[in-house]
């Protein structure tokens, strides 16, 4: 179902485990198109950006997650 945010996040998480960071990021971004304040997707984008040496983007995404859900986001940093 193309409207289920959790499905995109689950698929992205699978891509992360397979070290396919490009496809993972694409799936997290699809989730964010549906629900822009989804912390799981934002943290996923941050994780991918960090591991692709895109530190400015990673920091931006972590800060966004902290604004939305501070306690949860800080556990991932």
PDB file of N, CA and C in Angstrom:
ATOM      1  N   UNK A   1       0.848  -1.173   0.000  1.00  0.00           N
ATOM      2  CA  UNK A   1       0.000   0.000   0.000  1.00  0.00           C
ATOM      3  C   UNK A   1       0.897   1.241   0.000  1.00  0.00           C
ATOM      4  N   UNK A   2       0.800   2.077  -1.013  1.00  0.00           N
ATOM      5  CA  UNK A   2       1.698   3.236  -1.119  1.00  0.00           C
ATOM      6  C   UNK A   2       1.419   4.356  -0.117  1.00  0.00           C
ATOM      7  N   UNK A   3       0.453   4.176   0.770  1.00  0.00           N
ATOM      8  CA  UNK A   3       0.181   5.215   1.772  1.00  0.00           C
ATOM      9  C   UNK A   3       0.596   4.785   3.180  1.00  0.00           C
ATOM     10  N   UNK A   4       1.193   3.624   3.312  1.00  0.00           N
ATOM     11  CA  UNK A   4       1.594   3.118   4.623  1.00  0.00           C
ATOM     12  C   UNK A   4       3.050   3.498   4.883  1.00  0.00           C
ATOM     13  N   UNK A   5       3.234   4.476   5.735  1.00  0.00           N
ATOM     14  CA  UNK A   5       4.556   4.998   6.053  1.00  0.00           C
ATOM     15  C   UNK A   5       5.463   3.894   6.603  1.00  0.00           C
ATOM     16  N   UNK A   6       4.915   3.080   7.470  1.00  0.00           N
ATOM     17  CA  UNK A   6       5.706   2.036   8.110  1.00  0.00           C
ATOM     18  C   UNK A   6       6.288   1.052   7.096  1.00  0.00           C
ATOM     19  N   UNK A   7       5.587   0.819   5.996  1.00  0.00           N
ATOM     20  CA  UNK A   7       6.094  -0.093   4.960  1.00  0.00           C
ATOM     21  C   UNK A   7       7.349   0.476   4.303  1.00  0.00           C
ATOM     22  N   UNK A   8       7.334   1.764   4.020  1.00  0.00           N
ATOM     23  CA  UNK A   8       8.518   2.398   3.438  1.00  0.00           C
ATOM     24  C   UNK A   8       9.686   2.362   4.423  1.00  0.00           C
ATOM     25  N   UNK A   9       9.398   2.598   5.678  1.00  0.00           N
ATOM     26  CA  UNK A   9      10.462   2.591   6.686  1.00  0.00           C
ATOM     27  C   UNK A   9      11.033   1.183   6.847  1.00  0.00           C
ATOM     28  N   UNK A  10      10.177   0.186   6.880  1.00  0.00           N
ATOM     29  CA  UNK A  10      10.641  -1.192   6.994  1.00  0.00           C
ATOM     30  C   UNK A  10      11.520  -1.568   5.799  1.00  0.00           C
ATOM     31  N   UNK A  11      11.088  -1.215   4.608  1.00  0.00           N
ATOM     32  CA  UNK A  11      11.887  -1.497   3.417  1.00  0.00           C
ATOM     33  C   UNK A  11      13.225  -0.756   3.475  1.00  0.00           C
ATOM     34  N   UNK A  12      13.206   0.481   3.913  1.00  0.00           N
ATOM     35  CA  UNK A  12      14.445   1.249   4.053  1.00  0.00           C
ATOM     36  C   UNK A  12      15.378   0.584   5.057  1.00  0.00           C
ATOM     37  N   UNK A  13      14.834   0.124   6.170  1.00  0.00           N
ATOM     38  CA  UNK A  13      15.654  -0.550   7.183  1.00  0.00           C
ATOM     39  C   UNK A  13      16.307  -1.817   6.611  1.00  0.00           C
ATOM     40  N   UNK A  14      15.578  -2.521   5.762  1.00  0.00           N
ATOM     41  CA  UNK A  14      16.142  -3.707   5.112  1.00  0.00           C
ATOM     42  C   UNK A  14      17.296  -3.295   4.199  1.00  0.00           C
ATOM     43  N   UNK A  15      17.097  -2.223   3.439  1.00  0.00           N
ATOM     44  CA  UNK A  15      18.172  -1.741   2.571  1.00  0.00           C
ATOM     45  C   UNK A  15      19.398  -1.326   3.389  1.00  0.00           C
ATOM     46  N   UNK A  16      19.185  -0.723   4.548  1.00  0.00           N
ATOM     47  CA  UNK A  16      20.310  -0.339   5.414  1.00  0.00           C
ATOM     48  C   UNK A  16      21.087  -1.589   5.830  1.00  0.00           C
ATOM     49  N   UNK A  17      20.372  -2.626   6.244  1.00  0.00           N
ATOM     50  CA  UNK A  17      21.048  -3.856   6.664  1.00  0.00           C
ATOM     51  C   UNK A  17      21.839  -4.476   5.511  1.00  0.00           C
ATOM     52  N   UNK A  18      21.364  -4.273   4.287  1.00  0.00           N
ATOM     53  CA  UNK A  18      22.067  -4.778   3.105  1.00  0.00           C
ATOM     54  C   UNK A  18      23.149  -3.812   2.630  1.00  0.00           C
ATOM     55  N   UNK A  19      23.314  -2.714   3.353  1.00  0.00           N
ATOM     56  CA  UNK A  19      24.292  -1.664   3.026  1.00  0.00           C
ATOM     57  C   UNK A  19      24.001  -0.988   1.681  1.00  0.00           C
ATOM     58  N   UNK A  20      22.737  -0.960   1.317  1.00  0.00           N
ATOM     59  CA  UNK A  20      22.282  -0.279   0.112  1.00  0.00           C
ATOM     60  C   UNK A  20      21.700   1.071   0.550  1.00  0.00           C
ATOM     61  N   UNK A  21      22.592   2.015   0.813  1.00  0.00           N
ATOM     62  CA  UNK A  21      22.179   3.274   1.420  1.00  0.00           C
ATOM     63  C   UNK A  21      21.413   4.186   0.469  1.00  0.00           C
ATOM     64  N   UNK A  22      21.658   4.079  -0.813  1.00  0.00           N
ATOM     65  CA  UNK A  22      20.938   4.919  -1.774  1.00  0.00           C
ATOM     66  C   UNK A  22      19.456   4.553  -1.782  1.00  0.00           C
ATOM     67  N   UNK A  23      19.167   3.264  -1.900  1.00  0.00           N
ATOM     68  CA  UNK A  23      17.762   2.841  -1.900  1.00  0.00           C
ATOM     69  C   UNK A  23      17.115   3.063  -0.536  1.00  0.00           C
ATOM     70  N   UNK A  24      17.891   2.899   0.529  1.00  0.00           N
ATOM     71  CA  UNK A  24      17.353   3.156   1.871  1.00  0.00           C
ATOM     72  C   UNK A  24      16.897   4.606   1.984  1.00  0.00           C
ATOM     73  N   UNK A  25      17.759   5.522   1.558  1.00  0.00           N
ATOM     74  CA  UNK A  25      17.406   6.941   1.638  1.00  0.00           C
ATOM     75  C   UNK A  25      16.151   7.233   0.819  1.00  0.00           C
ATOM     76  N   UNK A  26      16.054   6.649  -0.354  1.00  0.00           N
ATOM     77  CA  UNK A  26      14.870   6.875  -1.195  1.00  0.00           C
ATOM     78  C   UNK A  26      13.587   6.425  -0.503  1.00  0.00           C
ATOM     79  N   UNK A  27      13.653   5.297   0.199  1.00  0.00           N
ATOM     80  CA  UNK A  27      12.469   4.805   0.896  1.00  0.00           C
ATOM     81  C   UNK A  27      12.118   5.683   2.100  1.00  0.00           C
ATOM     82  N   UNK A  28      13.132   6.128   2.826  1.00  0.00           N
ATOM     83  CA  UNK A  28      12.865   7.045   3.943  1.00  0.00           C
ATOM     84  C   UNK A  28      12.232   8.343   3.427  1.00  0.00           C
ATOM     85  N   UNK A  29      12.722   8.825   2.295  1.00  0.00           N
ATOM     86  CA  UNK A  29      12.166  10.061   1.728  1.00  0.00           C
ATOM     87  C   UNK A  29      10.723   9.869   1.274  1.00  0.00           C
ATOM     88  N   UNK A  30      10.398   8.692   0.752  1.00  0.00           N
ATOM     89  CA  UNK A  30       9.003   8.407   0.383  1.00  0.00           C
ATOM     90  C   UNK A  30       8.112   8.437   1.621  1.00  0.00           C
ATOM     91  N   UNK A  31       8.620   7.887   2.713  1.00  0.00           N
ATOM     92  CA  UNK A  31       7.850   7.915   3.966  1.00  0.00           C
ATOM     93  C   UNK A  31       7.624   9.352   4.413  1.00  0.00           C
ATOM     94  N   UNK A  32       8.647  10.184   4.256  1.00  0.00           N
ATOM     95  CA  UNK A  32       8.525  11.589   4.679  1.00  0.00           C
ATOM     96  C   UNK A  32       7.591  12.382   3.780  1.00  0.00           C
ATOM     97  N   UNK A  33       7.424  11.964   2.547  1.00  0.00           N
ATOM     98  CA  UNK A  33       6.453  12.636   1.677  1.00  0.00           C
ATOM     99  C   UNK A  33       5.038  12.434   2.204  1.00  0.00           C
ATOM    100  N   UNK A  34       4.791  11.279   2.798  1.00  0.00           N
ATOM    101  CA  UNK A  34       3.469  10.974   3.337  1.00  0.00           C
ATOM    102  C   UNK A  34       3.296  11.610   4.714  1.00  0.00           C
ATOM    103  N   UNK A  35       4.334  11.482   5.549  1.00  0.00           N
ATOM    104  CA  UNK A  35       4.259  12.000   6.922  1.00  0.00           C
ATOM    105  C   UNK A  35       5.564  12.727   7.245  1.00  0.00           C
ATOM    106  N   UNK A  36       5.627  14.023   6.948  1.00  0.00           N
ATOM    107  CA  UNK A  36       6.873  14.795   7.068  1.00  0.00           C
ATOM    108  C   UNK A  36       7.502  14.835   8.461  1.00  0.00           C
ATOM    109  N   UNK A  37       6.741  14.568   9.495  1.00  0.00           N
ATOM    110  CA  UNK A  37       7.302  14.637  10.855  1.00  0.00           C
ATOM    111  C   UNK A  37       7.492  13.253  11.465  1.00  0.00           C
ATOM    112  N   UNK A  38       7.665  12.245  10.634  1.00  0.00           N
ATOM    113  CA  UNK A  38       7.889  10.898  11.136  1.00  0.00           C
ATOM    114  C   UNK A  38       9.339  10.775  11.605  1.00  0.00           C
ATOM    115  N   UNK A  39       9.507  10.603  12.895  1.00  0.00           N
ATOM    116  CA  UNK A  39      10.845  10.570  13.486  1.00  0.00           C
ATOM    117  C   UNK A  39      11.668   9.402  12.967  1.00  0.00           C
ATOM    118  N   UNK A  40      11.056   8.246  12.771  1.00  0.00           N
ATOM    119  CA  UNK A  40      11.805   7.091  12.270  1.00  0.00           C
ATOM    120  C   UNK A  40      12.420   7.394  10.902  1.00  0.00           C
ATOM    121  N   UNK A  41      11.646   7.994  10.033  1.00  0.00           N
ATOM    122  CA  UNK A  41      12.142   8.311   8.695  1.00  0.00           C
ATOM    123  C   UNK A  41      13.215   9.399   8.744  1.00  0.00           C
ATOM    124  N   UNK A  42      13.008  10.389   9.576  1.00  0.00           N
ATOM    125  CA  UNK A  42      13.995  11.473   9.702  1.00  0.00           C
ATOM    126  C   UNK A  42      15.317  10.916  10.232  1.00  0.00           C
ATOM    127  N   UNK A  43      15.234  10.077  11.264  1.00  0.00           N
ATOM    128  CA  UNK A  43      16.450   9.479  11.807  1.00  0.00           C
ATOM    129  C   UNK A  43      17.105   8.539  10.805  1.00  0.00           C
ATOM    130  N   UNK A  44      16.283   7.900   9.987  1.00  0.00           N
ATOM    131  CA  UNK A  44      16.833   7.045   8.935  1.00  0.00           C
ATOM    132  C   UNK A  44      17.621   7.846   7.921  1.00  0.00           C
ATOM    133  N   UNK A  45      17.074   8.969   7.500  1.00  0.00           N
ATOM    134  CA  UNK A  45      17.786   9.851   6.562  1.00  0.00           C
ATOM    135  C   UNK A  45      19.078  10.342   7.210  1.00  0.00           C
ATOM    136  N   UNK A  46      19.021  10.686   8.475  1.00  0.00           N
ATOM    137  CA  UNK A  46      20.220  11.146   9.187  1.00  0.00           C
ATOM    138  C   UNK A  46      21.285  10.052   9.221  1.00  0.00           C
ATOM    139  N   UNK A  47      20.874   8.837   9.523  1.00  0.00           N
ATOM    140  CA  UNK A  47      21.803   7.705   9.571  1.00  0.00           C
ATOM    141  C   UNK A  47      22.478   7.506   8.216  1.00  0.00           C
ATOM    142  N   UNK A  48      21.676   7.484   7.170  1.00  0.00           N
ATOM    143  CA  UNK A  48      22.219   7.282   5.825  1.00  0.00           C
ATOM    144  C   UNK A  48      23.169   8.421   5.462  1.00  0.00           C
ATOM    145  N   UNK A  49      22.755   9.635   5.733  1.00  0.00           N
ATOM    146  CA  UNK A  49      23.604  10.789   5.405  1.00  0.00           C
ATOM    147  C   UNK A  49      24.936  10.697   6.144  1.00  0.00           C
ATOM    148  N   UNK A  50      24.892  10.344   7.414  1.00  0.00           N
ATOM    149  CA  UNK A  50      26.128  10.223   8.193  1.00  0.00           C
ATOM    150  C   UNK A  50      27.067   9.185   7.586  1.00  0.00           C
ATOM    151  N   UNK A  51      26.506   8.037   7.220  1.00  0.00           N
ATOM    152  CA  UNK A  51      27.332   6.956   6.685  1.00  0.00           C
ATOM    153  C   UNK A  51      27.741   7.167   5.225  1.00  0.00           C
ATOM    154  N   UNK A  52      27.209   8.209   4.613  1.00  0.00           N
ATOM    155  CA  UNK A  52      27.657   8.595   3.272  1.00  0.00           C
ATOM    156  C   UNK A  52      28.501   9.865   3.351  1.00  0.00           C
ATOM    157  N   UNK A  53      28.971  10.178   4.562  1.00  0.00           N
ATOM    158  CA  UNK A  53      29.834  11.338   4.816  1.00  0.00           C
ATOM    159  C   UNK A  53      29.175  12.665   4.462  1.00  0.00           C
ATOM    160  N   UNK A  54      27.862  12.725   4.572  1.00  0.00           N
ATOM    161  CA  UNK A  54      27.101  13.959   4.343  1.00  0.00           C
ATOM    162  C   UNK A  54      26.718  14.512   5.724  1.00  0.00           C
ATOM    163  N   UNK A  55      27.733  15.012   6.407  1.00  0.00           N
ATOM    164  CA  UNK A  55      27.569  15.373   7.812  1.00  0.00           C
ATOM    165  C   UNK A  55      26.629  16.556   8.036  1.00  0.00           C
ATOM    166  N   UNK A  56      26.637  17.527   7.143  1.00  0.00           N
ATOM    167  CA  UNK A  56      25.720  18.663   7.294  1.00  0.00           C
ATOM    168  C   UNK A  56      24.273  18.206   7.212  1.00  0.00           C
ATOM    169  N   UNK A  57      23.988  17.326   6.253  1.00  0.00           N
ATOM    170  CA  UNK A  57      22.630  16.816   6.118  1.00  0.00           C
ATOM    171  C   UNK A  57      22.257  15.972   7.331  1.00  0.00           C
ATOM    172  N   UNK A  58      23.185  15.151   7.786  1.00  0.00           N
ATOM    173  CA  UNK A  58      22.911  14.315   8.958  1.00  0.00           C
ATOM    174  C   UNK A  58      22.593  15.176  10.175  1.00  0.00           C
ATOM    175  N   UNK A  59      23.396  16.196  10.394  1.00  0.00           N
ATOM    176  CA  UNK A  59      23.167  17.096  11.527  1.00  0.00           C
ATOM    177  C   UNK A  59      21.818  17.789  11.418  1.00  0.00           C
ATOM    178  N   UNK A  60      21.483  18.239  10.224  1.00  0.00           N
ATOM    179  CA  UNK A  60      20.200  18.896  10.001  1.00  0.00           C
ATOM    180  C   UNK A  60      19.040  17.959  10.334  1.00  0.00           C
ATOM    181  N   UNK A  61      19.143  16.717   9.904  1.00  0.00           N
ATOM    182  CA  UNK A  61      18.075  15.749  10.152  1.00  0.00           C
ATOM    183  C   UNK A  61      17.987  15.393  11.638  1.00  0.00           C
ATOM    184  N   UNK A  62      19.142  15.220  12.292  1.00  0.00           N
ATOM    185  CA  UNK A  62      19.118  14.946  13.731  1.00  0.00           C
ATOM    186  C   UNK A  62      18.478  16.100  14.496  1.00  0.00           C
ATOM    187  N   UNK A  63      18.800  17.322  14.111  1.00  0.00           N
ATOM    188  CA  UNK A  63      18.201  18.488  14.784  1.00  0.00           C
ATOM    189  C   UNK A  63      16.689  18.523  14.562  1.00  0.00           C
ATOM    190  N   UNK A  64      16.263  18.183  13.370  1.00  0.00           N
ATOM    191  CA  UNK A  64      14.824  18.134  13.071  1.00  0.00           C
ATOM    192  C   UNK A  64      14.138  17.086  13.952  1.00  0.00           C
ATOM    193  N   UNK A  65      14.764  15.928  14.083  1.00  0.00           N
ATOM    194  CA  UNK A  65      14.189  14.867  14.915  1.00  0.00           C
ATOM    195  C   UNK A  65      14.126  15.290  16.383  1.00  0.00           C
ATOM    196  N   UNK A  66      15.155  15.993  16.844  1.00  0.00           N
ATOM    197  CA  UNK A  66      15.173  16.463  18.228  1.00  0.00           C
ATOM    198  C   UNK A  66      14.032  17.449  18.481  1.00  0.00           C
ATOM    199  N   UNK A  67      13.740  18.297  17.525  1.00  0.00           N
ATOM    200  CA  UNK A  67      12.628  19.247  17.669  1.00  0.00           C
ATOM    201  C   UNK A  67      11.288  18.528  17.775  1.00  0.00           C
ATOM    202  N   UNK A  68      11.150  17.428  17.068  1.00  0.00           N
ATOM    203  CA  UNK A  68       9.875  16.709  17.036  1.00  0.00           C
ATOM    204  C   UNK A  68       9.720  15.789  18.239  1.00  0.00           C
ATOM    205  N   UNK A  69      10.775  15.037  18.541  1.00  0.00           N
ATOM    206  CA  UNK A  69      10.700  14.028  19.594  1.00  0.00           C
ATOM    207  C   UNK A  69      12.052  13.951  20.307  1.00  0.00           C
ATOM    208  N   UNK A  70      12.335  14.914  21.199  1.00  0.00           N
ATOM    209  CA  UNK A  70      13.672  15.051  21.787  1.00  0.00           C
ATOM    210  C   UNK A  70      14.216  13.801  22.479  1.00  0.00           C
ATOM    211  N   UNK A  71      13.448  13.186  23.343  1.00  0.00           N
ATOM    212  CA  UNK A  71      13.966  12.041  24.104  1.00  0.00           C
ATOM    213  C   UNK A  71      14.338  10.881  23.199  1.00  0.00           C
ATOM    214  N   UNK A  72      13.523  10.625  22.246  1.00  0.00           N
ATOM    215  CA  UNK A  72      13.777   9.509  21.331  1.00  0.00           C
ATOM    216  C   UNK A  72      14.947   9.798  20.410  1.00  0.00           C
ATOM    217  N   UNK A  73      14.990  10.976  19.863  1.00  0.00           N
ATOM    218  CA  UNK A  73      16.036  11.342  18.916  1.00  0.00           C
ATOM    219  C   UNK A  73      17.417  11.339  19.569  1.00  0.00           C
ATOM    220  N   UNK A  74      17.506  11.799  20.790  1.00  0.00           N
ATOM    221  CA  UNK A  74      18.793  11.863  21.472  1.00  0.00           C
ATOM    222  C   UNK A  74      19.387  10.489  21.741  1.00  0.00           C
ATOM    223  N   UNK A  75      18.564   9.460  21.779  1.00  0.00           N
ATOM    224  CA  UNK A  75      19.059   8.094  21.978  1.00  0.00           C
ATOM    225  C   UNK A  75      19.819   7.599  20.741  1.00  0.00           C
ATOM    226  N   UNK A  76      19.579   8.220  19.594  1.00  0.00           N
ATOM    227  CA  UNK A  76      20.199   7.765  18.340  1.00  0.00           C
ATOM    228  C   UNK A  76      21.492   8.502  18.031  1.00  0.00           C
ATOM    229  N   UNK A  77      21.803   9.503  18.804  1.00  0.00           N
ATOM    230  CA  UNK A  77      22.993  10.305  18.509  1.00  0.00           C
ATOM    231  C   UNK A  77      24.190   9.724  19.230  1.00  0.00           C
TER     232      UNK A  77
END
